[in-house]
Amino acid sequence: SRSYKTIRPMPGTINGEYGKFPIILYLLNTLIKSPSVGKII
């Protein structure tokens, strides 16, 4: 479609909360939990 894939909502759980979140939020939540990840652009 004419929207960006990363911002499309996808059902799932982030930090124990179930809902429809943009796809990118699942990855970003993972990145902040990883000690090997520093600055995130």
Full PDB file with SEQRES, HELIX, SHEET, SSBOND, CRYST1, ORIGX, SCALE, CONECT and MASTER records, all heavy atoms in Angstrom:
SEQRES   1 A   41  SER ARG SER TYR LYS THR ILE ARG PRO MET PRO GLY THR          
SEQRES   2 A   41  ILE ASN GLY GLU TYR GLY LYS PHE PRO ILE ILE LEU TYR          
SEQRES   3 A   41  LEU LEU ASN THR LEU ILE LYS SER PRO SER VAL GLY LYS          
SEQRES   4 A   41  ILE ILE                                                      
HELIX    1 AA1 LYS A    5  ILE A    7  5                                   3    
HELIX    2 AA2 ILE A   23  LYS A   33  1                                  11    
SHEET    1 AA1 2 PRO A   9  ILE A  14  0                                        
SHEET    2 AA1 2 GLU A  17  PRO A  22 -1                                        
CRYST1    1.000    1.000    1.000  90.00  90.00  90.00 P 1           1          
ORIGX1      1.000000  0.000000  0.000000        0.00000                         
ORIGX2      0.000000  1.000000  0.000000        0.00000                         
ORIGX3      0.000000  0.000000  1.000000        0.00000                         
SCALE1      1.000000  0.000000  0.000000        0.00000                         
SCALE2      0.000000  1.000000  0.000000        0.00000                         
SCALE3      0.000000  0.000000  1.000000        0.00000                         
ATOM      1  N   SER A   1       0.853  -1.191   0.000  1.00  0.00           N  
ATOM      2  CA  SER A   1       0.000   0.000   0.000  1.00  0.00           C  
ATOM      3  C   SER A   1       0.886   1.238   0.000  1.00  0.00           C  
ATOM      4  O   SER A   1       2.103   1.138  -0.046  1.00  0.00           O  
ATOM      5  CB  SER A   1      -0.917  -0.009   1.228  1.00  0.00           C  
ATOM      6  OG  SER A   1      -0.151   0.194   2.391  1.00  0.00           O  
ATOM      7  N   ARG A   2       0.287   2.378   0.099  1.00  0.00           N  
ATOM      8  CA  ARG A   2       1.033   3.617   0.023  1.00  0.00           C  
ATOM      9  C   ARG A   2       1.535   4.079   1.389  1.00  0.00           C  
ATOM     10  O   ARG A   2       1.936   5.211   1.554  1.00  0.00           O  
ATOM     11  CB  ARG A   2       0.178   4.687  -0.633  1.00  0.00           C  
ATOM     12  CG  ARG A   2      -0.180   4.310  -2.062  1.00  0.00           C  
ATOM     13  CD  ARG A   2      -0.900   5.397  -2.777  1.00  0.00           C  
ATOM     14  NE  ARG A   2      -0.068   6.544  -3.097  1.00  0.00           N  
ATOM     15  CZ  ARG A   2       0.752   6.636  -4.131  1.00  0.00           C  
ATOM     16  NH1 ARG A   2       0.873   5.602  -4.951  1.00  0.00           N  
ATOM     17  NH2 ARG A   2       1.435   7.725  -4.359  1.00  0.00           N  
ATOM     18  N   SER A   3       1.524   3.209   2.390  1.00  0.00           N  
ATOM     19  CA  SER A   3       2.058   3.576   3.698  1.00  0.00           C  
ATOM     20  C   SER A   3       3.343   2.784   3.949  1.00  0.00           C  
ATOM     21  O   SER A   3       3.631   1.815   3.270  1.00  0.00           O  
ATOM     22  CB  SER A   3       1.040   3.298   4.799  1.00  0.00           C  
ATOM     23  OG  SER A   3       0.825   1.915   4.927  1.00  0.00           O  
ATOM     24  N   TYR A   4       4.087   3.218   4.921  1.00  0.00           N  
ATOM     25  CA  TYR A   4       5.335   2.538   5.258  1.00  0.00           C  
ATOM     26  C   TYR A   4       5.043   1.308   6.105  1.00  0.00           C  
ATOM     27  O   TYR A   4       4.279   1.368   7.075  1.00  0.00           O  
ATOM     28  CB  TYR A   4       6.272   3.482   6.006  1.00  0.00           C  
ATOM     29  CG  TYR A   4       6.754   4.614   5.150  1.00  0.00           C  
ATOM     30  CD1 TYR A   4       6.142   5.858   5.193  1.00  0.00           C  
ATOM     31  CD2 TYR A   4       7.818   4.435   4.280  1.00  0.00           C  
ATOM     32  CE1 TYR A   4       6.588   6.891   4.385  1.00  0.00           C  
ATOM     33  CE2 TYR A   4       8.265   5.463   3.473  1.00  0.00           C  
ATOM     34  CZ  TYR A   4       7.646   6.696   3.532  1.00  0.00           C  
ATOM     35  OH  TYR A   4       8.084   7.707   2.732  1.00  0.00           O  
ATOM     36  N   LYS A   5       5.677   0.207   5.770  1.00  0.00           N  
ATOM     37  CA  LYS A   5       5.456  -1.065   6.453  1.00  0.00           C  
ATOM     38  C   LYS A   5       5.767  -0.966   7.946  1.00  0.00           C  
ATOM     39  O   LYS A   5       5.066  -1.533   8.773  1.00  0.00           O  
ATOM     40  CB  LYS A   5       6.327  -2.134   5.796  1.00  0.00           C  
ATOM     41  CG  LYS A   5       6.114  -3.526   6.288  1.00  0.00           C  
ATOM     42  CD  LYS A   5       6.971  -4.472   5.479  1.00  0.00           C  
ATOM     43  CE  LYS A   5       6.817  -5.898   5.891  1.00  0.00           C  
ATOM     44  NZ  LYS A   5       7.685  -6.777   5.118  1.00  0.00           N  
ATOM     45  N   THR A   6       6.824  -0.237   8.301  1.00  0.00           N  
ATOM     46  CA  THR A   6       7.257  -0.180   9.696  1.00  0.00           C  
ATOM     47  C   THR A   6       6.268   0.515  10.623  1.00  0.00           C  
ATOM     48  O   THR A   6       6.307   0.294  11.826  1.00  0.00           O  
ATOM     49  CB  THR A   6       8.614   0.536   9.809  1.00  0.00           C  
ATOM     50  OG1 THR A   6       8.505   1.825   9.207  1.00  0.00           O  
ATOM     51  CG2 THR A   6       9.708  -0.261   9.166  1.00  0.00           C  
ATOM     52  N   ILE A   7       5.376   1.322  10.085  1.00  0.00           N  
ATOM     53  CA  ILE A   7       4.430   2.032  10.956  1.00  0.00           C  
ATOM     54  C   ILE A   7       3.024   1.440  10.900  1.00  0.00           C  
ATOM     55  O   ILE A   7       2.124   1.939  11.565  1.00  0.00           O  
ATOM     56  CB  ILE A   7       4.398   3.545  10.643  1.00  0.00           C  
ATOM     57  CG1 ILE A   7       4.008   3.795   9.195  1.00  0.00           C  
ATOM     58  CG2 ILE A   7       5.715   4.189  10.986  1.00  0.00           C  
ATOM     59  CD1 ILE A   7       3.790   5.248   8.862  1.00  0.00           C  
ATOM     60  N   ARG A   8       2.847   0.363  10.163  1.00  0.00           N  
ATOM     61  CA  ARG A   8       1.546  -0.307  10.128  1.00  0.00           C  
ATOM     62  C   ARG A   8       1.301  -1.016  11.454  1.00  0.00           C  
ATOM     63  O   ARG A   8       2.215  -1.599  12.031  1.00  0.00           O  
ATOM     64  CB  ARG A   8       1.500  -1.329   9.005  1.00  0.00           C  
ATOM     65  CG  ARG A   8       1.471  -0.672   7.666  1.00  0.00           C  
ATOM     66  CD  ARG A   8       1.106  -1.651   6.578  1.00  0.00           C  
ATOM     67  NE  ARG A   8       1.375  -1.006   5.314  1.00  0.00           N  
ATOM     68  CZ  ARG A   8       2.043  -1.562   4.335  1.00  0.00           C  
ATOM     69  NH1 ARG A   8       2.483  -2.794   4.445  1.00  0.00           N  
ATOM     70  NH2 ARG A   8       2.260  -0.904   3.219  1.00  0.00           N  
ATOM     71  N   PRO A   9       0.073  -1.003  11.945  1.00  0.00           N  
ATOM     72  CA  PRO A   9      -0.210  -1.674  13.218  1.00  0.00           C  
ATOM     73  C   PRO A   9      -0.207  -3.187  13.075  1.00  0.00           C  
ATOM     74  O   PRO A   9      -0.615  -3.734  12.050  1.00  0.00           O  
ATOM     75  CB  PRO A   9      -1.603  -1.153  13.591  1.00  0.00           C  
ATOM     76  CG  PRO A   9      -2.203  -0.675  12.321  1.00  0.00           C  
ATOM     77  CD  PRO A   9      -1.079  -0.293  11.402  1.00  0.00           C  
ATOM     78  N   MET A  10       0.279  -3.843  14.118  1.00  0.00           N  
ATOM     79  CA  MET A  10       0.326  -5.300  14.162  1.00  0.00           C  
ATOM     80  C   MET A  10      -0.071  -5.720  15.571  1.00  0.00           C  
ATOM     81  O   MET A  10       0.459  -5.178  16.548  1.00  0.00           O  
ATOM     82  CB  MET A  10       1.745  -5.781  13.853  1.00  0.00           C  
ATOM     83  CG  MET A  10       1.895  -7.280  13.848  1.00  0.00           C  
ATOM     84  SD  MET A  10       3.577  -7.775  13.384  1.00  0.00           S  
ATOM     85  CE  MET A  10       4.181  -8.297  14.965  1.00  0.00           C  
ATOM     86  N   PRO A  11      -0.987  -6.666  15.708  1.00  0.00           N  
ATOM     87  CA  PRO A  11      -1.383  -7.086  17.057  1.00  0.00           C  
ATOM     88  C   PRO A  11      -0.255  -7.837  17.743  1.00  0.00           C  
ATOM     89  O   PRO A  11       0.472  -8.607  17.120  1.00  0.00           O  
ATOM     90  CB  PRO A  11      -2.600  -7.989  16.815  1.00  0.00           C  
ATOM     91  CG  PRO A  11      -2.534  -8.386  15.392  1.00  0.00           C  
ATOM     92  CD  PRO A  11      -1.736  -7.355  14.663  1.00  0.00           C  
ATOM     93  N   GLY A  12      -0.104  -7.586  19.027  1.00  0.00           N  
ATOM     94  CA  GLY A  12       0.924  -8.269  19.798  1.00  0.00           C  
ATOM     95  C   GLY A  12       1.044  -7.689  21.188  1.00  0.00           C  
ATOM     96  O   GLY A  12       0.241  -6.851  21.605  1.00  0.00           O  
ATOM     97  N   THR A  13       2.064  -8.141  21.899  1.00  0.00           N  
ATOM     98  CA  THR A  13       2.290  -7.718  23.274  1.00  0.00           C  
ATOM     99  C   THR A  13       3.638  -7.030  23.392  1.00  0.00           C  
ATOM    100  O   THR A  13       4.648  -7.562  22.938  1.00  0.00           O  
ATOM    101  CB  THR A  13       2.245  -8.935  24.222  1.00  0.00           C  
ATOM    102  OG1 THR A  13       0.993  -9.595  24.041  1.00  0.00           O  
ATOM    103  CG2 THR A  13       2.390  -8.520  25.668  1.00  0.00           C  
ATOM    104  N   ILE A  14       3.634  -5.862  24.012  1.00  0.00           N  
ATOM    105  CA  ILE A  14       4.868  -5.149  24.334  1.00  0.00           C  
ATOM    106  C   ILE A  14       4.825  -4.825  25.813  1.00  0.00           C  
ATOM    107  O   ILE A  14       3.884  -4.175  26.283  1.00  0.00           O  
ATOM    108  CB  ILE A  14       5.025  -3.851  23.503  1.00  0.00           C  
ATOM    109  CG1 ILE A  14       5.142  -4.174  22.008  1.00  0.00           C  
ATOM    110  CG2 ILE A  14       6.252  -3.066  23.970  1.00  0.00           C  
ATOM    111  CD1 ILE A  14       5.269  -2.954  21.111  1.00  0.00           C  
ATOM    112  N   ASN A  15       5.813  -5.303  26.542  1.00  0.00           N  
ATOM    113  CA  ASN A  15       5.915  -5.079  27.996  1.00  0.00           C  
ATOM    114  C   ASN A  15       4.640  -5.474  28.728  1.00  0.00           C  
ATOM    115  O   ASN A  15       4.160  -4.762  29.604  1.00  0.00           O  
ATOM    116  CB  ASN A  15       6.275  -3.620  28.300  1.00  0.00           C  
ATOM    117  CG  ASN A  15       7.664  -3.277  27.837  1.00  0.00           C  
ATOM    118  OD1 ASN A  15       8.539  -4.134  27.744  1.00  0.00           O  
ATOM    119  ND2 ASN A  15       7.890  -2.012  27.551  1.00  0.00           N  
ATOM    120  N   GLY A  16       4.070  -6.609  28.348  1.00  0.00           N  
ATOM    121  CA  GLY A  16       2.887  -7.128  29.018  1.00  0.00           C  
ATOM    122  C   GLY A  16       1.571  -6.489  28.605  1.00  0.00           C  
ATOM    123  O   GLY A  16       0.518  -6.878  29.085  1.00  0.00           O  
ATOM    124  N   GLU A  17       1.612  -5.532  27.717  1.00  0.00           N  
ATOM    125  CA  GLU A  17       0.388  -4.870  27.254  1.00  0.00           C  
ATOM    126  C   GLU A  17       0.051  -5.358  25.858  1.00  0.00           C  
ATOM    127  O   GLU A  17       0.864  -5.252  24.942  1.00  0.00           O  
ATOM    128  CB  GLU A  17       0.585  -3.353  27.243  1.00  0.00           C  
ATOM    129  CG  GLU A  17      -0.639  -2.592  26.804  1.00  0.00           C  
ATOM    130  CD  GLU A  17      -0.403  -1.090  26.750  1.00  0.00           C  
ATOM    131  OE1 GLU A  17       0.406  -0.569  27.529  1.00  0.00           O  
ATOM    132  OE2 GLU A  17      -1.031  -0.443  25.890  1.00  0.00           O  
ATOM    133  N   TYR A  18      -1.159  -5.907  25.707  1.00  0.00           N  
ATOM    134  CA  TYR A  18      -1.593  -6.396  24.408  1.00  0.00           C  
ATOM    135  C   TYR A  18      -2.294  -5.270  23.665  1.00  0.00           C  
ATOM    136  O   TYR A  18      -3.047  -4.489  24.233  1.00  0.00           O  
ATOM    137  CB  TYR A  18      -2.552  -7.590  24.545  1.00  0.00           C  
ATOM    138  CG  TYR A  18      -3.002  -8.118  23.208  1.00  0.00           C  
ATOM    139  CD1 TYR A  18      -2.186  -8.970  22.475  1.00  0.00           C  
ATOM    140  CD2 TYR A  18      -4.221  -7.733  22.663  1.00  0.00           C  
ATOM    141  CE1 TYR A  18      -2.584  -9.434  21.223  1.00  0.00           C  
ATOM    142  CE2 TYR A  18      -4.624  -8.191  21.422  1.00  0.00           C  
ATOM    143  CZ  TYR A  18      -3.801  -9.043  20.712  1.00  0.00           C  
ATOM    144  OH  TYR A  18      -4.187  -9.496  19.479  1.00  0.00           O  
ATOM    145  N   GLY A  19      -2.022  -5.186  22.368  1.00  0.00           N  
ATOM    146  CA  GLY A  19      -2.681  -4.182  21.548  1.00  0.00           C  
ATOM    147  C   GLY A  19      -2.181  -4.249  20.122  1.00  0.00           C  
ATOM    148  O   GLY A  19      -1.455  -5.165  19.738  1.00  0.00           O  
ATOM    149  N   LYS A  20      -2.574  -3.271  19.335  1.00  0.00           N  
ATOM    150  CA  LYS A  20      -2.077  -3.135  17.960  1.00  0.00           C  
ATOM    151  C   LYS A  20      -1.077  -1.989  17.969  1.00  0.00           C  
ATOM    152  O   LYS A  20      -1.460  -0.833  18.138  1.00  0.00           O  
ATOM    153  CB  LYS A  20      -3.223  -2.834  16.992  1.00  0.00           C  
ATOM    154  CG  LYS A  20      -3.975  -4.046  16.548  1.00  0.00           C  
ATOM    155  CD  LYS A  20      -4.883  -3.685  15.388  1.00  0.00           C  
ATOM    156  CE  LYS A  20      -5.231  -4.956  14.645  1.00  0.00           C  
ATOM    157  NZ  LYS A  20      -5.890  -4.689  13.391  1.00  0.00           N  
ATOM    158  N   PHE A  21       0.194  -2.343  17.812  1.00  0.00           N  
ATOM    159  CA  PHE A  21       1.268  -1.369  17.838  1.00  0.00           C  
ATOM    160  C   PHE A  21       1.921  -1.292  16.464  1.00  0.00           C  
ATOM    161  O   PHE A  21       1.945  -2.285  15.732  1.00  0.00           O  
ATOM    162  CB  PHE A  21       2.337  -1.770  18.857  1.00  0.00           C  
ATOM    163  CG  PHE A  21       1.814  -1.908  20.259  1.00  0.00           C  
ATOM    164  CD1 PHE A  21       1.552  -3.155  20.792  1.00  0.00           C  
ATOM    165  CD2 PHE A  21       1.606  -0.787  21.045  1.00  0.00           C  
ATOM    166  CE1 PHE A  21       1.082  -3.295  22.087  1.00  0.00           C  
ATOM    167  CE2 PHE A  21       1.135  -0.910  22.342  1.00  0.00           C  
ATOM    168  CZ  PHE A  21       0.871  -2.163  22.870  1.00  0.00           C  
ATOM    169  N   PRO A  22       2.490  -0.137  16.117  1.00  0.00           N  
ATOM    170  CA  PRO A  22       3.270  -0.078  14.873  1.00  0.00           C  
ATOM    171  C   PRO A  22       4.388  -1.117  14.907  1.00  0.00           C  
ATOM    172  O   PRO A  22       5.004  -1.344  15.958  1.00  0.00           O  
ATOM    173  CB  PRO A  22       3.836   1.347  14.879  1.00  0.00           C  
ATOM    174  CG  PRO A  22       2.875   2.130  15.709  1.00  0.00           C  
ATOM    175  CD  PRO A  22       2.408   1.166  16.772  1.00  0.00           C  
ATOM    176  N   ILE A  23       4.634  -1.763  13.784  1.00  0.00           N  
ATOM    177  CA  ILE A  23       5.614  -2.853  13.708  1.00  0.00           C  
ATOM    178  C   ILE A  23       6.966  -2.452  14.286  1.00  0.00           C  
ATOM    179  O   ILE A  23       7.607  -3.223  14.992  1.00  0.00           O  
ATOM    180  CB  ILE A  23       5.759  -3.338  12.252  1.00  0.00           C  
ATOM    181  CG1 ILE A  23       4.496  -4.081  11.828  1.00  0.00           C  
ATOM    182  CG2 ILE A  23       6.973  -4.223  12.071  1.00  0.00           C  
ATOM    183  CD1 ILE A  23       4.454  -4.480  10.366  1.00  0.00           C  
ATOM    184  N   ILE A  24       7.398  -1.234  14.057  1.00  0.00           N  
ATOM    185  CA  ILE A  24       8.714  -0.806  14.509  1.00  0.00           C  
ATOM    186  C   ILE A  24       8.847  -0.807  16.029  1.00  0.00           C  
ATOM    187  O   ILE A  24       9.936  -1.008  16.566  1.00  0.00           O  
ATOM    188  CB  ILE A  24       9.096   0.571  13.930  1.00  0.00           C  
ATOM    189  CG1 ILE A  24      10.585   0.817  14.147  1.00  0.00           C  
ATOM    190  CG2 ILE A  24       8.228   1.668  14.511  1.00  0.00           C  
ATOM    191  CD1 ILE A  24      11.150   1.962  13.381  1.00  0.00           C  
ATOM    192  N   LEU A  25       7.756  -0.621  16.763  1.00  0.00           N  
ATOM    193  CA  LEU A  25       7.840  -0.570  18.219  1.00  0.00           C  
ATOM    194  C   LEU A  25       8.300  -1.888  18.826  1.00  0.00           C  
ATOM    195  O   LEU A  25       8.955  -1.906  19.867  1.00  0.00           O  
ATOM    196  CB  LEU A  25       6.513  -0.137  18.828  1.00  0.00           C  
ATOM    197  CG  LEU A  25       6.088   1.302  18.567  1.00  0.00           C  
ATOM    198  CD1 LEU A  25       4.800   1.635  19.317  1.00  0.00           C  
ATOM    199  CD2 LEU A  25       7.185   2.285  18.915  1.00  0.00           C  
ATOM    200  N   TYR A  26       7.978  -3.010  18.195  1.00  0.00           N  
ATOM    201  CA  TYR A  26       8.424  -4.307  18.706  1.00  0.00           C  
ATOM    202  C   TYR A  26       9.951  -4.383  18.663  1.00  0.00           C  
ATOM    203  O   TYR A  26      10.590  -4.827  19.612  1.00  0.00           O  
ATOM    204  CB  TYR A  26       7.805  -5.450  17.895  1.00  0.00           C  
ATOM    205  CG  TYR A  26       6.304  -5.502  18.013  1.00  0.00           C  
ATOM    206  CD1 TYR A  26       5.491  -4.877  17.074  1.00  0.00           C  
ATOM    207  CD2 TYR A  26       5.690  -6.162  19.070  1.00  0.00           C  
ATOM    208  CE1 TYR A  26       4.110  -4.912  17.187  1.00  0.00           C  
ATOM    209  CE2 TYR A  26       4.312  -6.209  19.198  1.00  0.00           C  
ATOM    210  CZ  TYR A  26       3.520  -5.579  18.252  1.00  0.00           C  
ATOM    211  OH  TYR A  26       2.163  -5.614  18.376  1.00  0.00           O  
ATOM    212  N   LEU A  27      10.536  -3.944  17.561  1.00  0.00           N  
ATOM    213  CA  LEU A  27      11.985  -3.942  17.427  1.00  0.00           C  
ATOM    214  C   LEU A  27      12.626  -2.944  18.386  1.00  0.00           C  
ATOM    215  O   LEU A  27      13.614  -3.261  19.058  1.00  0.00           O  
ATOM    216  CB  LEU A  27      12.395  -3.616  15.990  1.00  0.00           C  
ATOM    217  CG  LEU A  27      13.898  -3.443  15.789  1.00  0.00           C  
ATOM    218  CD1 LEU A  27      14.614  -4.769  15.976  1.00  0.00           C  
ATOM    219  CD2 LEU A  27      14.190  -2.840  14.451  1.00  0.00           C  
ATOM    220  N   LEU A  28      12.093  -1.739  18.466  1.00  0.00           N  
ATOM    221  CA  LEU A  28      12.686  -0.719  19.336  1.00  0.00           C  
ATOM    222  C   LEU A  28      12.649  -1.138  20.798  1.00  0.00           C  
ATOM    223  O   LEU A  28      13.606  -0.912  21.551  1.00  0.00           O  
ATOM    224  CB  LEU A  28      11.977   0.615  19.144  1.00  0.00           C  
ATOM    225  CG  LEU A  28      12.098   1.227  17.747  1.00  0.00           C  
ATOM    226  CD1 LEU A  28      11.310   2.527  17.666  1.00  0.00           C  
ATOM    227  CD2 LEU A  28      13.548   1.446  17.364  1.00  0.00           C  
ATOM    228  N   ASN A  29      11.574  -1.786  21.227  1.00  0.00           N  
ATOM    229  CA  ASN A  29      11.496  -2.305  22.599  1.00  0.00           C  
ATOM    230  C   ASN A  29      12.591  -3.349  22.839  1.00  0.00           C  
ATOM    231  O   ASN A  29      13.197  -3.395  23.903  1.00  0.00           O  
ATOM    232  CB  ASN A  29      10.108  -2.888  22.856  1.00  0.00           C  
ATOM    233  CG  ASN A  29       9.928  -3.312  24.291  1.00  0.00           C  
ATOM    234  OD1 ASN A  29      10.220  -2.565  25.219  1.00  0.00           O  
ATOM    235  ND2 ASN A  29       9.443  -4.520  24.475  1.00  0.00           N  
ATOM    236  N   THR A  30      12.846  -4.156  21.838  1.00  0.00           N  
ATOM    237  CA  THR A  30      13.913  -5.150  21.931  1.00  0.00           C  
ATOM    238  C   THR A  30      15.282  -4.477  22.039  1.00  0.00           C  
ATOM    239  O   THR A  30      16.117  -4.872  22.842  1.00  0.00           O  
ATOM    240  CB  THR A  30      13.885  -6.077  20.696  1.00  0.00           C  
ATOM    241  OG1 THR A  30      12.665  -6.806  20.714  1.00  0.00           O  
ATOM    242  CG2 THR A  30      15.052  -7.035  20.676  1.00  0.00           C  
ATOM    243  N   LEU A  31      15.505  -3.458  21.232  1.00  0.00           N  
ATOM    244  CA  LEU A  31      16.803  -2.784  21.226  1.00  0.00           C  
ATOM    245  C   LEU A  31      17.133  -2.151  22.574  1.00  0.00           C  
ATOM    246  O   LEU A  31      18.275  -2.227  23.034  1.00  0.00           O  
ATOM    247  CB  LEU A  31      16.864  -1.731  20.123  1.00  0.00           C  
ATOM    248  CG  LEU A  31      16.867  -2.256  18.692  1.00  0.00           C  
ATOM    249  CD1 LEU A  31      16.811  -1.100  17.703  1.00  0.00           C  
ATOM    250  CD2 LEU A  31      18.074  -3.134  18.430  1.00  0.00           C  
ATOM    251  N   ILE A  32      16.150  -1.522  23.222  1.00  0.00           N  
ATOM    252  CA  ILE A  32      16.460  -0.882  24.496  1.00  0.00           C  
ATOM    253  C   ILE A  32      16.695  -1.894  25.611  1.00  0.00           C  
ATOM    254  O   ILE A  32      17.291  -1.559  26.628  1.00  0.00           O  
ATOM    255  CB  ILE A  32      15.393   0.156  24.913  1.00  0.00           C  
ATOM    256  CG1 ILE A  32      14.047  -0.490  25.138  1.00  0.00           C  
ATOM    257  CG2 ILE A  32      15.317   1.282  23.909  1.00  0.00           C  
ATOM    258  CD1 ILE A  32      12.999   0.451  25.730  1.00  0.00           C  
ATOM    259  N   LYS A  33      16.273  -3.133  25.411  1.00  0.00           N  
ATOM    260  CA  LYS A  33      16.512  -4.186  26.404  1.00  0.00           C  
ATOM    261  C   LYS A  33      17.860  -4.869  26.215  1.00  0.00           C  
ATOM    262  O   LYS A  33      18.260  -5.675  27.037  1.00  0.00           O  
ATOM    263  CB  LYS A  33      15.400  -5.233  26.326  1.00  0.00           C  
ATOM    264  CG  LYS A  33      14.063  -4.726  26.814  1.00  0.00           C  
ATOM    265  CD  LYS A  33      13.007  -5.793  26.687  1.00  0.00           C  
ATOM    266  CE  LYS A  33      11.678  -5.285  27.221  1.00  0.00           C  
ATOM    267  NZ  LYS A  33      10.625  -6.292  27.078  1.00  0.00           N  
ATOM    268  N   SER A  34      18.543  -4.556  25.148  1.00  0.00           N  
ATOM    269  CA  SER A  34      19.810  -5.209  24.827  1.00  0.00           C  
ATOM    270  C   SER A  34      20.991  -4.375  25.341  1.00  0.00           C  
ATOM    271  O   SER A  34      21.171  -3.237  24.907  1.00  0.00           O  
ATOM    272  CB  SER A  34      19.927  -5.390  23.320  1.00  0.00           C  
ATOM    273  OG  SER A  34      21.156  -5.956  23.000  1.00  0.00           O  
ATOM    274  N   PRO A  35      21.811  -4.931  26.237  1.00  0.00           N  
ATOM    275  CA  PRO A  35      22.946  -4.174  26.776  1.00  0.00           C  
ATOM    276  C   PRO A  35      24.012  -3.830  25.735  1.00  0.00           C  
ATOM    277  O   PRO A  35      24.785  -2.905  25.928  1.00  0.00           O  
ATOM    278  CB  PRO A  35      23.544  -5.090  27.843  1.00  0.00           C  
ATOM    279  CG  PRO A  35      22.680  -6.268  27.942  1.00  0.00           C  
ATOM    280  CD  PRO A  35      21.669  -6.237  26.852  1.00  0.00           C  
ATOM    281  N   SER A  36      24.039  -4.532  24.620  1.00  0.00           N  
ATOM    282  CA  SER A  36      25.064  -4.264  23.611  1.00  0.00           C  
ATOM    283  C   SER A  36      24.676  -3.129  22.666  1.00  0.00           C  
ATOM    284  O   SER A  36      25.464  -2.723  21.835  1.00  0.00           O  
ATOM    285  CB  SER A  36      25.366  -5.521  22.802  1.00  0.00           C  
ATOM    286  OG  SER A  36      24.249  -5.899  22.057  1.00  0.00           O  
ATOM    287  N   VAL A  37      23.460  -2.603  22.815  1.00  0.00           N  
ATOM    288  CA  VAL A  37      22.998  -1.519  21.947  1.00  0.00           C  
ATOM    289  C   VAL A  37      23.206  -0.188  22.655  1.00  0.00           C  
ATOM    290  O   VAL A  37      22.731   0.009  23.768  1.00  0.00           O  
ATOM    291  CB  VAL A  37      21.508  -1.714  21.572  1.00  0.00           C  
ATOM    292  CG1 VAL A  37      20.972  -0.512  20.839  1.00  0.00           C  
ATOM    293  CG2 VAL A  37      21.353  -2.973  20.730  1.00  0.00           C  
ATOM    294  N   GLY A  38      23.923   0.705  21.975  1.00  0.00           N  
ATOM    295  CA  GLY A  38      24.172   2.039  22.513  1.00  0.00           C  
ATOM    296  C   GLY A  38      23.208   3.043  21.909  1.00  0.00           C  
ATOM    297  O   GLY A  38      21.997   2.894  21.976  1.00  0.00           O  
ATOM    298  N   LYS A  39      23.763   4.043  21.261  1.00  0.00           N  
ATOM    299  CA  LYS A  39      22.985   5.098  20.607  1.00  0.00           C  
ATOM    300  C   LYS A  39      22.141   4.474  19.499  1.00  0.00           C  
ATOM    301  O   LYS A  39      22.611   3.621  18.758  1.00  0.00           O  
ATOM    302  CB  LYS A  39      23.955   6.113  20.024  1.00  0.00           C  
ATOM    303  CG  LYS A  39      23.317   7.265  19.310  1.00  0.00           C  
ATOM    304  CD  LYS A  39      24.391   8.151  18.701  1.00  0.00           C  
ATOM    305  CE  LYS A  39      24.353   9.492  19.359  1.00  0.00           C  
ATOM    306  NZ  LYS A  39      25.347  10.410  18.844  1.00  0.00           N  
ATOM    307  N   ILE A  40      20.869   4.912  19.386  1.00  0.00           N  
ATOM    308  CA  ILE A  40      19.960   4.355  18.384  1.00  0.00           C  
ATOM    309  C   ILE A  40      19.460   5.470  17.470  1.00  0.00           C  
ATOM    310  O   ILE A  40      18.803   6.398  17.926  1.00  0.00           O  
ATOM    311  CB  ILE A  40      18.768   3.636  19.043  1.00  0.00           C  
ATOM    312  CG1 ILE A  40      19.260   2.516  19.966  1.00  0.00           C  
ATOM    313  CG2 ILE A  40      17.815   3.085  17.980  1.00  0.00           C  
ATOM    314  CD1 ILE A  40      18.194   1.922  20.857  1.00  0.00           C  
ATOM    315  N   ILE A  41      19.799   5.356  16.188  1.00  0.00           N  
ATOM    316  CA  ILE A  41      19.360   6.303  15.176  1.00  0.00           C  
ATOM    317  C   ILE A  41      18.335   5.598  14.295  1.00  0.00           C  
ATOM    318  O   ILE A  41      18.603   4.528  13.758  1.00  0.00           O  
ATOM    319  CB  ILE A  41      20.539   6.789  14.302  1.00  0.00           C  
ATOM    320  CG1 ILE A  41      21.656   7.383  15.159  1.00  0.00           C  
ATOM    321  CG2 ILE A  41      20.051   7.762  13.234  1.00  0.00           C  
ATOM    322  CD1 ILE A  41      21.282   8.624  15.924  1.00  0.00           C  
TER     323      ILE A  41                                                      
MASTER        0    0    0    2    2    0    0    6  322    1    0    4          
END                                                                             
